[in-house]
Amino acid sequence: MKTFLRGYFITGTDTGVGKTVVTASLARCLSQRGLSVGVMKPVETGHPDGHAAASDAERLRAASGTLDSLEVVSPYRFPHPLAPLAAARLAGVVINPDHLLGCFEKLARRHSAVLVEGVGGVLVPLSEDCDARDLIVRFKLPCLVVGRASLGGINHALLTVEALRHHRIEMVGIVLNSPAELVRDSTQAESTVALVRELGKIRVFGPLHHHPQLGQAWETGIARLAEDPTIMELADLLTAGGT
């Protein structure tokens, strides 16, 4: 009988912090180890018709090699680049958390592990009575936070950790992404990592340095990151069933 290795709910300290990069590279790493990896982007906004290949959901599917339908991987997709609640209202749609949970459970039955990429930060509203944090609780997955190693990253990271702890949500740790400009001068990144670890009392992974290929060739960049020690450590933790 197939053993479910759980997975991670990958949330962010903000939008644009690199959740898709971390989720895709981790999915690729696990897939290369021979695991069946399900991926999910429950809600995606800023998704214009005709550009599906560049969507977060399609990038996750490609990285994992999954054949799951887009309707299960990303049940709600909206064209306007707004918060999910605002985008759904413009589309005349109500995001149903029960439907999202049902899609997740389908993936959990099919795969050894499931990686769920959230939208924005943990308090982003999905409906009038459900935000991203509520969805994490429903999915019952340990949470992996993605943040920035750049200036401002400490405040965002500590606020996110506090919000998750307030709901007693299990956290694997926080991955801090380091943009290319910080690779040349690592003082900022190193200080952010040290202070988030000290003040947040949380495990910090990284900094994860983005390779230049990500901007020009997504597949090449993700393949490189799948071999990064930070991503491999996260894969080891998941396959070991620990946090």
C-alpha atoms as a PDB file:
ATOM      1  CA  MET A   1       0.000   0.000   0.000  1.00  0.00           C
ATOM      2  CA  LYS A   2       1.286   3.468  -0.860  1.00  0.00           C
ATOM      3  CA  THR A   3       2.626   5.416   2.101  1.00  0.00           C
ATOM      4  CA  PHE A   4       1.690   9.080   2.198  1.00  0.00           C
ATOM      5  CA  LEU A   5       4.748  11.132   3.115  1.00  0.00           C
ATOM      6  CA  ARG A   6       2.656  14.204   3.884  1.00  0.00           C
ATOM      7  CA  GLY A   7       4.183  17.237   2.275  1.00  0.00           C
ATOM      8  CA  TYR A   8       4.527  20.942   2.910  1.00  0.00           C
ATOM      9  CA  PHE A   9       2.239  23.925   2.676  1.00  0.00           C
ATOM     10  CA  ILE A  10       4.587  26.567   1.298  1.00  0.00           C
ATOM     11  CA  THR A  11       3.532  30.053   2.279  1.00  0.00           C
ATOM     12  CA  GLY A  12       5.292  33.399   2.070  1.00  0.00           C
ATOM     13  CA  THR A  13       6.035  36.476   4.109  1.00  0.00           C
ATOM     14  CA  ASP A  14       4.655  38.492   1.188  1.00  0.00           C
ATOM     15  CA  THR A  15       3.948  38.188  -2.508  1.00  0.00           C
ATOM     16  CA  GLY A  16       6.857  37.816  -4.905  1.00  0.00           C
ATOM     17  CA  VAL A  17       9.243  36.327  -2.330  1.00  0.00           C
ATOM     18  CA  GLY A  18       9.977  33.161  -4.312  1.00  0.00           C
ATOM     19  CA  LYS A  19       7.348  30.624  -3.235  1.00  0.00           C
ATOM     20  CA  THR A  20       7.069  29.193  -6.749  1.00  0.00           C
ATOM     21  CA  VAL A  21      10.850  28.936  -7.077  1.00  0.00           C
ATOM     22  CA  VAL A  22      11.141  26.977  -3.824  1.00  0.00           C
ATOM     23  CA  THR A  23       8.094  24.786  -4.516  1.00  0.00           C
ATOM     24  CA  ALA A  24       9.122  23.957  -8.083  1.00  0.00           C
ATOM     25  CA  SER A  25      12.748  23.175  -7.251  1.00  0.00           C
ATOM     26  CA  LEU A  26      11.695  21.007  -4.295  1.00  0.00           C
ATOM     27  CA  ALA A  27       9.161  19.180  -6.475  1.00  0.00           C
ATOM     28  CA  ARG A  28      11.867  18.555  -9.079  1.00  0.00           C
ATOM     29  CA  CYS A  29      14.287  17.309  -6.410  1.00  0.00           C
ATOM     30  CA  LEU A  30      11.751  14.867  -4.956  1.00  0.00           C
ATOM     31  CA  SER A  31      10.686  13.678  -8.404  1.00  0.00           C
ATOM     32  CA  GLN A  32      14.303  12.964  -9.326  1.00  0.00           C
ATOM     33  CA  ARG A  33      14.487  10.728  -6.262  1.00  0.00           C
ATOM     34  CA  GLY A  34      11.714   8.609  -7.716  1.00  0.00           C
ATOM     35  CA  LEU A  35       8.855   9.915  -5.585  1.00  0.00           C
ATOM     36  CA  SER A  36       5.371  10.579  -6.878  1.00  0.00           C
ATOM     37  CA  VAL A  37       4.907  14.281  -6.102  1.00  0.00           C
ATOM     38  CA  GLY A  38       1.598  16.089  -6.268  1.00  0.00           C
ATOM     39  CA  VAL A  39       1.583  19.869  -6.540  1.00  0.00           C
ATOM     40  CA  MET A  40      -1.159  22.375  -5.882  1.00  0.00           C
ATOM     41  CA  LYS A  41      -1.683  26.105  -6.263  1.00  0.00           C
ATOM     42  CA  PRO A  42      -5.173  26.429  -4.751  1.00  0.00           C
ATOM     43  CA  VAL A  43      -5.754  29.983  -5.947  1.00  0.00           C
ATOM     44  CA  GLU A  44      -3.867  31.905  -8.605  1.00  0.00           C
ATOM     45  CA  THR A  45      -4.532  35.507  -9.576  1.00  0.00           C
ATOM     46  CA  GLY A  46      -3.105  37.545 -12.434  1.00  0.00           C
ATOM     47  CA  HIS A  47      -3.719  34.580 -14.728  1.00  0.00           C
ATOM     48  CA  PRO A  48      -4.779  35.915 -18.149  1.00  0.00           C
ATOM     49  CA  ASP A  49      -6.342  33.492 -20.611  1.00  0.00           C
ATOM     50  CA  GLY A  50      -3.928  32.157 -23.200  1.00  0.00           C
ATOM     51  CA  HIS A  51      -0.854  32.358 -20.973  1.00  0.00           C
ATOM     52  CA  ALA A  52      -1.275  29.146 -19.002  1.00  0.00           C
ATOM     53  CA  ALA A  53       2.268  27.937 -19.697  1.00  0.00           C
ATOM     54  CA  ALA A  54       3.712  30.825 -17.685  1.00  0.00           C
ATOM     55  CA  SER A  55       1.345  30.355 -14.738  1.00  0.00           C
ATOM     56  CA  ASP A  56       2.604  29.198 -11.363  1.00  0.00           C
ATOM     57  CA  ALA A  57       0.405  26.101 -11.547  1.00  0.00           C
ATOM     58  CA  GLU A  58       1.801  25.014 -14.919  1.00  0.00           C
ATOM     59  CA  ARG A  59       5.352  25.618 -13.747  1.00  0.00           C
ATOM     60  CA  LEU A  60       4.722  23.421 -10.723  1.00  0.00           C
ATOM     61  CA  ARG A  61       3.189  20.681 -12.861  1.00  0.00           C
ATOM     62  CA  ALA A  62       6.169  20.739 -15.211  1.00  0.00           C
ATOM     63  CA  ALA A  63       8.667  20.627 -12.345  1.00  0.00           C
ATOM     64  CA  SER A  64       6.989  17.629 -10.712  1.00  0.00           C
ATOM     65  CA  GLY A  65       6.135  15.787 -13.918  1.00  0.00           C
ATOM     66  CA  THR A  66       2.569  15.295 -12.713  1.00  0.00           C
ATOM     67  CA  LEU A  67      -0.290  14.517 -15.090  1.00  0.00           C
ATOM     68  CA  ASP A  68      -2.976  15.786 -12.715  1.00  0.00           C
ATOM     69  CA  SER A  69      -5.532  18.052 -14.338  1.00  0.00           C
ATOM     70  CA  LEU A  70      -5.183  21.801 -13.943  1.00  0.00           C
ATOM     71  CA  GLU A  71      -8.681  21.883 -12.417  1.00  0.00           C
ATOM     72  CA  VAL A  72      -7.380  19.879  -9.455  1.00  0.00           C
ATOM     73  CA  VAL A  73      -3.926  21.463  -9.259  1.00  0.00           C
ATOM     74  CA  SER A  74      -5.279  25.014  -9.400  1.00  0.00           C
ATOM     75  CA  PRO A  75      -9.056  25.054  -8.849  1.00  0.00           C
ATOM     76  CA  TYR A  76      -9.444  28.839  -8.835  1.00  0.00           C
ATOM     77  CA  ARG A  77      -7.664  31.019 -11.413  1.00  0.00           C
ATOM     78  CA  PHE A  78      -8.503  34.663 -11.930  1.00  0.00           C
ATOM     79  CA  PRO A  79      -7.245  37.179 -14.522  1.00  0.00           C
ATOM     80  CA  HIS A  80      -6.928  40.203 -12.252  1.00  0.00           C
ATOM     81  CA  PRO A  81      -3.628  40.519 -10.305  1.00  0.00           C
ATOM     82  CA  LEU A  82      -5.375  41.236  -7.009  1.00  0.00           C
ATOM     83  CA  ALA A  83      -5.838  39.602  -3.634  1.00  0.00           C
ATOM     84  CA  PRO A  84      -7.898  36.400  -4.075  1.00  0.00           C
ATOM     85  CA  LEU A  85     -11.044  37.798  -2.451  1.00  0.00           C
ATOM     86  CA  ALA A  86     -10.980  40.916  -4.647  1.00  0.00           C
ATOM     87  CA  ALA A  87     -10.177  38.942  -7.811  1.00  0.00           C
ATOM     88  CA  ALA A  88     -12.944  36.430  -7.069  1.00  0.00           C
ATOM     89  CA  ARG A  89     -15.493  39.179  -6.519  1.00  0.00           C
ATOM     90  CA  LEU A  90     -14.646  40.761  -9.863  1.00  0.00           C
ATOM     91  CA  ALA A  91     -15.123  37.376 -11.507  1.00  0.00           C
ATOM     92  CA  GLY A  92     -18.420  36.797  -9.700  1.00  0.00           C
ATOM     93  CA  VAL A  93     -17.042  33.723  -7.932  1.00  0.00           C
ATOM     94  CA  VAL A  94     -16.969  32.658  -4.298  1.00  0.00           C
ATOM     95  CA  ILE A  95     -13.900  30.627  -3.319  1.00  0.00           C
ATOM     96  CA  ASN A  96     -15.106  27.521  -1.491  1.00  0.00           C
ATOM     97  CA  PRO A  97     -12.567  26.148   1.048  1.00  0.00           C
ATOM     98  CA  ASP A  98     -14.351  22.780   1.047  1.00  0.00           C
ATOM     99  CA  HIS A  99     -13.757  22.457  -2.693  1.00  0.00           C
ATOM    100  CA  LEU A 100     -10.086  23.276  -2.203  1.00  0.00           C
ATOM    101  CA  LEU A 101      -9.814  20.650   0.519  1.00  0.00           C
ATOM    102  CA  GLY A 102     -11.477  18.088  -1.732  1.00  0.00           C
ATOM    103  CA  CYS A 103      -8.957  18.749  -4.509  1.00  0.00           C
ATOM    104  CA  PHE A 104      -6.084  18.441  -2.041  1.00  0.00           C
ATOM    105  CA  GLU A 105      -7.417  15.124  -0.763  1.00  0.00           C
ATOM    106  CA  LYS A 106      -7.557  13.783  -4.339  1.00  0.00           C
ATOM    107  CA  LEU A 107      -3.893  14.638  -4.778  1.00  0.00           C
ATOM    108  CA  ALA A 108      -3.004  13.122  -1.413  1.00  0.00           C
ATOM    109  CA  ARG A 109      -4.593   9.820  -2.457  1.00  0.00           C
ATOM    110  CA  ARG A 110      -2.654   9.762  -5.725  1.00  0.00           C
ATOM    111  CA  HIS A 111       0.816  10.774  -4.590  1.00  0.00           C
ATOM    112  CA  SER A 112       3.423   9.960  -1.962  1.00  0.00           C
ATOM    113  CA  ALA A 113       3.891  13.652  -1.158  1.00  0.00           C
ATOM    114  CA  VAL A 114       2.020  16.849  -1.948  1.00  0.00           C
ATOM    115  CA  LEU A 115       3.465  20.358  -2.094  1.00  0.00           C
ATOM    116  CA  VAL A 116       0.924  23.160  -1.813  1.00  0.00           C
ATOM    117  CA  GLU A 117       1.957  26.681  -2.748  1.00  0.00           C
ATOM    118  CA  GLY A 118      -0.098  29.379  -1.096  1.00  0.00           C
ATOM    119  CA  VAL A 119      -0.961  32.796  -2.444  1.00  0.00           C
ATOM    120  CA  GLY A 120       0.608  35.919  -0.954  1.00  0.00           C
ATOM    121  CA  GLY A 121       1.040  35.929   2.828  1.00  0.00           C
ATOM    122  CA  VAL A 122      -0.738  34.026   5.582  1.00  0.00           C
ATOM    123  CA  LEU A 123      -3.502  36.579   6.215  1.00  0.00           C
ATOM    124  CA  VAL A 124      -4.469  37.121   2.591  1.00  0.00           C
ATOM    125  CA  PRO A 125      -8.274  36.738   2.374  1.00  0.00           C
ATOM    126  CA  LEU A 126      -9.689  34.006   0.161  1.00  0.00           C
ATOM    127  CA  SER A 127     -13.333  34.593   1.090  1.00  0.00           C
ATOM    128  CA  GLU A 128     -15.248  36.602   3.679  1.00  0.00           C
ATOM    129  CA  ASP A 129     -14.586  33.968   6.350  1.00  0.00           C
ATOM    130  CA  CYS A 130     -11.398  32.203   5.203  1.00  0.00           C
ATOM    131  CA  ASP A 131      -7.829  33.386   4.738  1.00  0.00           C
ATOM    132  CA  ALA A 132      -4.645  31.570   3.724  1.00  0.00           C
ATOM    133  CA  ARG A 133      -3.873  30.653   7.323  1.00  0.00           C
ATOM    134  CA  ASP A 134      -7.269  28.973   7.691  1.00  0.00           C
ATOM    135  CA  LEU A 135      -6.495  26.922   4.588  1.00  0.00           C
ATOM    136  CA  ILE A 136      -3.222  25.708   6.098  1.00  0.00           C
ATOM    137  CA  VAL A 137      -5.162  24.516   9.139  1.00  0.00           C
ATOM    138  CA  ARG A 138      -7.666  22.676   6.936  1.00  0.00           C
ATOM    139  CA  PHE A 139      -4.965  20.917   4.910  1.00  0.00           C
ATOM    140  CA  LYS A 140      -3.155  19.745   8.078  1.00  0.00           C
ATOM    141  CA  LEU A 141       0.270  20.068   6.488  1.00  0.00           C
ATOM    142  CA  PRO A 142       3.397  21.398   8.168  1.00  0.00           C
ATOM    143  CA  CYS A 143       4.140  24.881   6.941  1.00  0.00           C
ATOM    144  CA  LEU A 144       7.303  26.033   5.194  1.00  0.00           C
ATOM    145  CA  VAL A 145       7.671  29.809   5.094  1.00  0.00           C
ATOM    146  CA  VAL A 146       9.504  31.562   2.263  1.00  0.00           C
ATOM    147  CA  GLY A 147      10.911  35.024   2.867  1.00  0.00           C
ATOM    148  CA  ARG A 148      13.562  37.494   1.758  1.00  0.00           C
ATOM    149  CA  ALA A 149      17.121  37.738   3.028  1.00  0.00           C
ATOM    150  CA  SER A 150      17.167  41.353   1.863  1.00  0.00           C
ATOM    151  CA  LEU A 151      16.390  44.498   3.861  1.00  0.00           C
ATOM    152  CA  GLY A 152      12.937  44.281   5.473  1.00  0.00           C
ATOM    153  CA  GLY A 153      13.030  40.509   5.560  1.00  0.00           C
ATOM    154  CA  ILE A 154      13.397  40.279   9.333  1.00  0.00           C
ATOM    155  CA  ASN A 155      10.188  42.138  10.112  1.00  0.00           C
ATOM    156  CA  HIS A 156       8.154  40.217   7.542  1.00  0.00           C
ATOM    157  CA  ALA A 157       9.534  36.873   8.700  1.00  0.00           C
ATOM    158  CA  LEU A 158       8.898  37.463  12.398  1.00  0.00           C
ATOM    159  CA  LEU A 159       5.355  38.716  11.796  1.00  0.00           C
ATOM    160  CA  THR A 160       4.553  35.632   9.718  1.00  0.00           C
ATOM    161  CA  VAL A 161       6.008  33.256  12.300  1.00  0.00           C
ATOM    162  CA  GLU A 162       3.994  34.966  15.032  1.00  0.00           C
ATOM    163  CA  ALA A 163       0.770  34.699  13.011  1.00  0.00           C
ATOM    164  CA  LEU A 164       1.300  30.978  12.411  1.00  0.00           C
ATOM    165  CA  ARG A 165       2.200  30.244  16.022  1.00  0.00           C
ATOM    166  CA  HIS A 166      -0.927  32.054  17.162  1.00  0.00           C
ATOM    167  CA  HIS A 167      -2.911  29.304  15.402  1.00  0.00           C
ATOM    168  CA  ARG A 168      -0.540  26.569  16.646  1.00  0.00           C
ATOM    169  CA  ILE A 169       0.451  25.686  13.086  1.00  0.00           C
ATOM    170  CA  GLU A 170       3.408  23.337  12.791  1.00  0.00           C
ATOM    171  CA  MET A 171       6.324  24.979  10.988  1.00  0.00           C
ATOM    172  CA  VAL A 172       9.199  23.216   9.273  1.00  0.00           C
ATOM    173  CA  GLY A 173      11.151  26.461   9.191  1.00  0.00           C
ATOM    174  CA  ILE A 174      11.745  29.418   6.931  1.00  0.00           C
ATOM    175  CA  VAL A 175      13.651  29.577   3.651  1.00  0.00           C
ATOM    176  CA  LEU A 176      15.249  32.949   3.003  1.00  0.00           C
ATOM    177  CA  ASN A 177      15.781  33.782  -0.649  1.00  0.00           C
ATOM    178  CA  SER A 178      18.806  35.835  -1.596  1.00  0.00           C
ATOM    179  CA  PRO A 179      18.636  37.849  -4.838  1.00  0.00           C
ATOM    180  CA  ALA A 180      21.665  38.082  -7.097  1.00  0.00           C
ATOM    181  CA  GLU A 181      22.820  41.449  -5.792  1.00  0.00           C
ATOM    182  CA  LEU A 182      23.221  40.040  -2.270  1.00  0.00           C
ATOM    183  CA  VAL A 183      25.530  37.279  -3.451  1.00  0.00           C
ATOM    184  CA  ARG A 184      28.251  39.856  -4.091  1.00  0.00           C
ATOM    185  CA  ASP A 185      27.776  41.503  -0.679  1.00  0.00           C
ATOM    186  CA  SER A 186      26.583  38.846   1.720  1.00  0.00           C
ATOM    187  CA  THR A 187      26.534  40.962   4.897  1.00  0.00           C
ATOM    188  CA  GLN A 188      22.819  41.783   4.609  1.00  0.00           C
ATOM    189  CA  ALA A 189      21.776  38.205   3.899  1.00  0.00           C
ATOM    190  CA  GLU A 190      23.914  36.744   6.670  1.00  0.00           C
ATOM    191  CA  SER A 191      22.628  39.216   9.256  1.00  0.00           C
ATOM    192  CA  THR A 192      19.007  38.567   8.261  1.00  0.00           C
ATOM    193  CA  VAL A 193      19.470  34.807   8.568  1.00  0.00           C
ATOM    194  CA  ALA A 194      21.144  35.145  11.971  1.00  0.00           C
ATOM    195  CA  LEU A 195      18.552  37.498  13.446  1.00  0.00           C
ATOM    196  CA  VAL A 196      15.519  35.577  12.150  1.00  0.00           C
ATOM    197  CA  ARG A 197      16.984  32.407  13.658  1.00  0.00           C
ATOM    198  CA  GLU A 198      17.757  34.112  16.965  1.00  0.00           C
ATOM    199  CA  LEU A 199      14.625  36.199  17.455  1.00  0.00           C
ATOM    200  CA  GLY A 200      12.137  33.902  15.754  1.00  0.00           C
ATOM    201  CA  LYS A 201      13.512  30.782  17.424  1.00  0.00           C
ATOM    202  CA  ILE A 202      12.875  28.931  14.217  1.00  0.00           C
ATOM    203  CA  ARG A 203      14.933  26.813  11.871  1.00  0.00           C
ATOM    204  CA  VAL A 204      16.259  28.891   8.986  1.00  0.00           C
ATOM    205  CA  PHE A 205      17.226  27.360   5.643  1.00  0.00           C
ATOM    206  CA  GLY A 206      19.449  29.248   3.262  1.00  0.00           C
ATOM    207  CA  PRO A 207      20.042  31.836   2.118  1.00  0.00           C
ATOM    208  CA  LEU A 208      18.981  30.241  -1.153  1.00  0.00           C
ATOM    209  CA  HIS A 209      20.795  32.036  -3.952  1.00  0.00           C
ATOM    210  CA  HIS A 210      18.849  32.493  -7.178  1.00  0.00           C
ATOM    211  CA  HIS A 211      20.736  31.478 -10.272  1.00  0.00           C
ATOM    212  CA  PRO A 212      20.798  33.906 -13.203  1.00  0.00           C
ATOM    213  CA  GLN A 213      19.145  31.292 -15.429  1.00  0.00           C
ATOM    214  CA  LEU A 214      15.806  31.741 -13.663  1.00  0.00           C
ATOM    215  CA  GLY A 215      15.155  35.013 -15.434  1.00  0.00           C
ATOM    216  CA  GLN A 216      15.954  33.768 -18.928  1.00  0.00           C
ATOM    217  CA  ALA A 217      15.445  30.000 -18.765  1.00  0.00           C
ATOM    218  CA  TRP A 218      13.123  28.823 -16.018  1.00  0.00           C
ATOM    219  CA  GLU A 219      13.646  25.090 -16.556  1.00  0.00           C
ATOM    220  CA  THR A 220      17.438  25.414 -16.435  1.00  0.00           C
ATOM    221  CA  GLY A 221      17.301  27.494 -13.271  1.00  0.00           C
ATOM    222  CA  ILE A 222      14.947  25.118 -11.491  1.00  0.00           C
ATOM    223  CA  ALA A 223      17.112  22.146 -12.454  1.00  0.00           C
ATOM    224  CA  ARG A 224      20.108  23.895 -10.882  1.00  0.00           C
ATOM    225  CA  LEU A 225      18.205  24.789  -7.722  1.00  0.00           C
ATOM    226  CA  ALA A 226      16.945  21.210  -7.357  1.00  0.00           C
ATOM    227  CA  GLU A 227      20.573  20.314  -6.595  1.00  0.00           C
ATOM    228  CA  ASP A 228      21.106  23.173  -4.148  1.00  0.00           C
ATOM    229  CA  PRO A 229      22.008  21.993  -0.601  1.00  0.00           C
ATOM    230  CA  THR A 230      19.094  23.961   0.870  1.00  0.00           C
ATOM    231  CA  ILE A 231      16.520  22.262  -1.372  1.00  0.00           C
ATOM    232  CA  MET A 232      18.114  18.861  -0.856  1.00  0.00           C
ATOM    233  CA  GLU A 233      17.960  19.331   2.923  1.00  0.00           C
ATOM    234  CA  LEU A 234      14.239  20.111   2.710  1.00  0.00           C
ATOM    235  CA  ALA A 235      13.717  17.019   0.559  1.00  0.00           C
ATOM    236  CA  ASP A 236      15.605  14.896   3.095  1.00  0.00           C
ATOM    237  CA  LEU A 237      13.358  16.156   5.891  1.00  0.00           C
ATOM    238  CA  LEU A 238      10.182  15.398   3.985  1.00  0.00           C
ATOM    239  CA  THR A 239      11.196  11.905   2.913  1.00  0.00           C
ATOM    240  CA  ALA A 240      12.335  11.147   6.467  1.00  0.00           C
ATOM    241  CA  GLY A 241       8.883  12.187   7.677  1.00  0.00           C
ATOM    242  CA  GLY A 242      10.292  14.724  10.095  1.00  0.00           C
ATOM    243  CA  THR A 243      10.346  18.461  10.664  1.00  0.00           C
END
